[in-house]
């Protein structure tokens, strides 16, 4: 994802196992504080994904504090930002 006041493109997680933890006010997977990212896609062929939001962050997956993010899609379903903390997906 992106760091403070930065941007990144689309994020796709396909296959394997991912554990991600956001920094201060940043999402585990997605944008940092005052930052942006493109769409986030987690496909059905992953083994597992665990995302933990950083301190004071609103989302585990998606936009960080005062950030923006494109569509979040998990296993073909559009979910929007994920606030559950930590969030674990295992197909």
C-alpha atoms as a PDB file:
ATOM      1  CA  UNK A   1       0.000   0.000   0.000  1.00  0.00           C
ATOM      2  CA  UNK A   2       0.950   3.632   0.367  1.00  0.00           C
ATOM      3  CA  UNK A   3       2.668   5.505   3.166  1.00  0.00           C
ATOM      4  CA  UNK A   4       1.861   8.892   4.729  1.00  0.00           C
ATOM      5  CA  UNK A   5       0.714  11.479   2.161  1.00  0.00           C
ATOM      6  CA  UNK A   6       1.631   9.207  -0.760  1.00  0.00           C
ATOM      7  CA  UNK A   7      -0.215   7.129  -3.322  1.00  0.00           C
ATOM      8  CA  UNK A   8      -0.020   3.692  -4.865  1.00  0.00           C
ATOM      9  CA  UNK A   9      -1.761   1.872  -7.675  1.00  0.00           C
ATOM     10  CA  UNK A  10      -3.987  -1.162  -7.489  1.00  0.00           C
ATOM     11  CA  UNK A  11      -3.247  -3.927  -4.976  1.00  0.00           C
ATOM     12  CA  UNK A  12      -3.926  -7.565  -5.906  1.00  0.00           C
ATOM     13  CA  UNK A  13      -3.303 -10.492  -3.566  1.00  0.00           C
ATOM     14  CA  UNK A  14      -3.448 -13.778  -5.454  1.00  0.00           C
ATOM     15  CA  UNK A  15      -2.123 -17.010  -3.966  1.00  0.00           C
ATOM     16  CA  UNK A  16      -0.024 -17.604  -0.889  1.00  0.00           C
ATOM     17  CA  UNK A  17      -0.407 -16.298   2.637  1.00  0.00           C
ATOM     18  CA  UNK A  18      -0.159 -12.618   3.642  1.00  0.00           C
ATOM     19  CA  UNK A  19       0.068 -10.970   7.060  1.00  0.00           C
ATOM     20  CA  UNK A  20       0.072  -7.158   6.981  1.00  0.00           C
ATOM     21  CA  UNK A  21       0.047  -4.561   9.758  1.00  0.00           C
ATOM     22  CA  UNK A  22      -0.448  -0.836   9.118  1.00  0.00           C
ATOM     23  CA  UNK A  23       1.717   1.869  10.577  1.00  0.00           C
ATOM     24  CA  UNK A  24       0.348   4.719  12.695  1.00  0.00           C
ATOM     25  CA  UNK A  25      -3.058   5.688  11.213  1.00  0.00           C
ATOM     26  CA  UNK A  26      -2.551   3.404   8.187  1.00  0.00           C
ATOM     27  CA  UNK A  27      -4.502   0.380   6.983  1.00  0.00           C
ATOM     28  CA  UNK A  28      -2.835  -3.028   7.062  1.00  0.00           C
ATOM     29  CA  UNK A  29      -3.591  -3.370   3.351  1.00  0.00           C
ATOM     30  CA  UNK A  30      -4.373  -0.104   1.581  1.00  0.00           C
ATOM     31  CA  UNK A  31      -3.479   3.527   2.137  1.00  0.00           C
ATOM     32  CA  UNK A  32      -1.594   5.350   4.839  1.00  0.00           C
ATOM     33  CA  UNK A  33      -2.652   8.542   6.594  1.00  0.00           C
ATOM     34  CA  UNK A  34      -3.684  11.338   4.169  1.00  0.00           C
ATOM     35  CA  UNK A  35      -2.827   8.969   1.313  1.00  0.00           C
ATOM     36  CA  UNK A  36      -4.531   7.086  -1.509  1.00  0.00           C
ATOM     37  CA  UNK A  37      -4.499   3.724  -3.227  1.00  0.00           C
ATOM     38  CA  UNK A  38      -6.263   2.122  -6.160  1.00  0.00           C
ATOM     39  CA  UNK A  39      -8.548  -0.883  -5.980  1.00  0.00           C
ATOM     40  CA  UNK A  40      -7.774  -3.770  -3.631  1.00  0.00           C
ATOM     41  CA  UNK A  41      -8.518  -7.308  -4.823  1.00  0.00           C
ATOM     42  CA  UNK A  42      -8.068 -10.485  -2.784  1.00  0.00           C
ATOM     43  CA  UNK A  43      -8.692 -13.552  -4.958  1.00  0.00           C
ATOM     44  CA  UNK A  44     -10.118 -16.925  -3.898  1.00  0.00           C
ATOM     45  CA  UNK A  45      -6.822 -18.754  -4.479  1.00  0.00           C
ATOM     46  CA  UNK A  46      -5.018 -17.260  -1.460  1.00  0.00           C
ATOM     47  CA  UNK A  47      -4.206 -19.522   1.472  1.00  0.00           C
ATOM     48  CA  UNK A  48      -4.923 -16.796   4.040  1.00  0.00           C
ATOM     49  CA  UNK A  49      -4.811 -13.035   4.513  1.00  0.00           C
ATOM     50  CA  UNK A  50      -4.596 -11.323   7.902  1.00  0.00           C
ATOM     51  CA  UNK A  51      -4.677  -7.524   8.019  1.00  0.00           C
ATOM     52  CA  UNK A  52      -4.334  -5.413  11.162  1.00  0.00           C
ATOM     53  CA  UNK A  53      -4.926  -1.665  11.169  1.00  0.00           C
ATOM     54  CA  UNK A  54      -2.315   0.647  12.650  1.00  0.00           C
ATOM     55  CA  UNK A  55      -2.899   2.769  15.767  1.00  0.00           C
ATOM     56  CA  UNK A  56      -5.830   5.179  15.235  1.00  0.00           C
ATOM     57  CA  UNK A  57      -6.515   3.828  11.717  1.00  0.00           C
ATOM     58  CA  UNK A  58     -10.151   3.353  10.684  1.00  0.00           C
ATOM     59  CA  UNK A  59      -9.682   0.209   8.560  1.00  0.00           C
ATOM     60  CA  UNK A  60      -7.716  -3.031   8.407  1.00  0.00           C
ATOM     61  CA  UNK A  61      -8.204  -3.131   4.628  1.00  0.00           C
ATOM     62  CA  UNK A  62      -8.896   0.050   2.649  1.00  0.00           C
ATOM     63  CA  UNK A  63      -8.303   3.696   3.456  1.00  0.00           C
ATOM     64  CA  UNK A  64      -6.059   4.935   6.248  1.00  0.00           C
ATOM     65  CA  UNK A  65      -6.983   7.922   8.425  1.00  0.00           C
ATOM     66  CA  UNK A  66      -7.981  10.825   6.136  1.00  0.00           C
ATOM     67  CA  UNK A  67      -7.090   8.612   3.163  1.00  0.00           C
ATOM     68  CA  UNK A  68      -8.932   7.270   0.152  1.00  0.00           C
ATOM     69  CA  UNK A  69      -9.024   3.934  -1.556  1.00  0.00           C
ATOM     70  CA  UNK A  70     -10.689   2.360  -4.569  1.00  0.00           C
ATOM     71  CA  UNK A  71     -13.083  -0.572  -4.421  1.00  0.00           C
ATOM     72  CA  UNK A  72     -12.224  -3.440  -2.048  1.00  0.00           C
ATOM     73  CA  UNK A  73     -13.150  -6.868  -3.474  1.00  0.00           C
ATOM     74  CA  UNK A  74     -12.662 -10.112  -1.571  1.00  0.00           C
ATOM     75  CA  UNK A  75     -13.301 -13.420  -3.375  1.00  0.00           C
ATOM     76  CA  UNK A  76     -15.401 -11.707  -6.038  1.00  0.00           C
ATOM     77  CA  UNK A  77     -17.590  -9.786  -3.562  1.00  0.00           C
ATOM     78  CA  UNK A  78     -17.302  -6.011  -3.276  1.00  0.00           C
ATOM     79  CA  UNK A  79     -17.017  -5.325   0.464  1.00  0.00           C
ATOM     80  CA  UNK A  80     -15.822  -1.744   0.803  1.00  0.00           C
ATOM     81  CA  UNK A  81     -13.436  -0.836   3.606  1.00  0.00           C
ATOM     82  CA  UNK A  82     -12.964  -3.566   6.231  1.00  0.00           C
ATOM     83  CA  UNK A  83     -13.121  -2.255   9.813  1.00  0.00           C
ATOM     84  CA  UNK A  84     -12.823  -5.624  11.637  1.00  0.00           C
ATOM     85  CA  UNK A  85      -9.480  -5.693  13.458  1.00  0.00           C
ATOM     86  CA  UNK A  86      -7.626  -7.878  12.886  1.00  0.00           C
ATOM     87  CA  UNK A  87      -9.357  -9.196   9.778  1.00  0.00           C
ATOM     88  CA  UNK A  88      -8.586 -12.732   8.606  1.00  0.00           C
ATOM     89  CA  UNK A  89      -9.726 -14.251   5.324  1.00  0.00           C
ATOM     90  CA  UNK A  90      -9.334 -17.949   4.568  1.00  0.00           C
ATOM     91  CA  UNK A  91     -11.284 -19.301   1.577  1.00  0.00           C
END
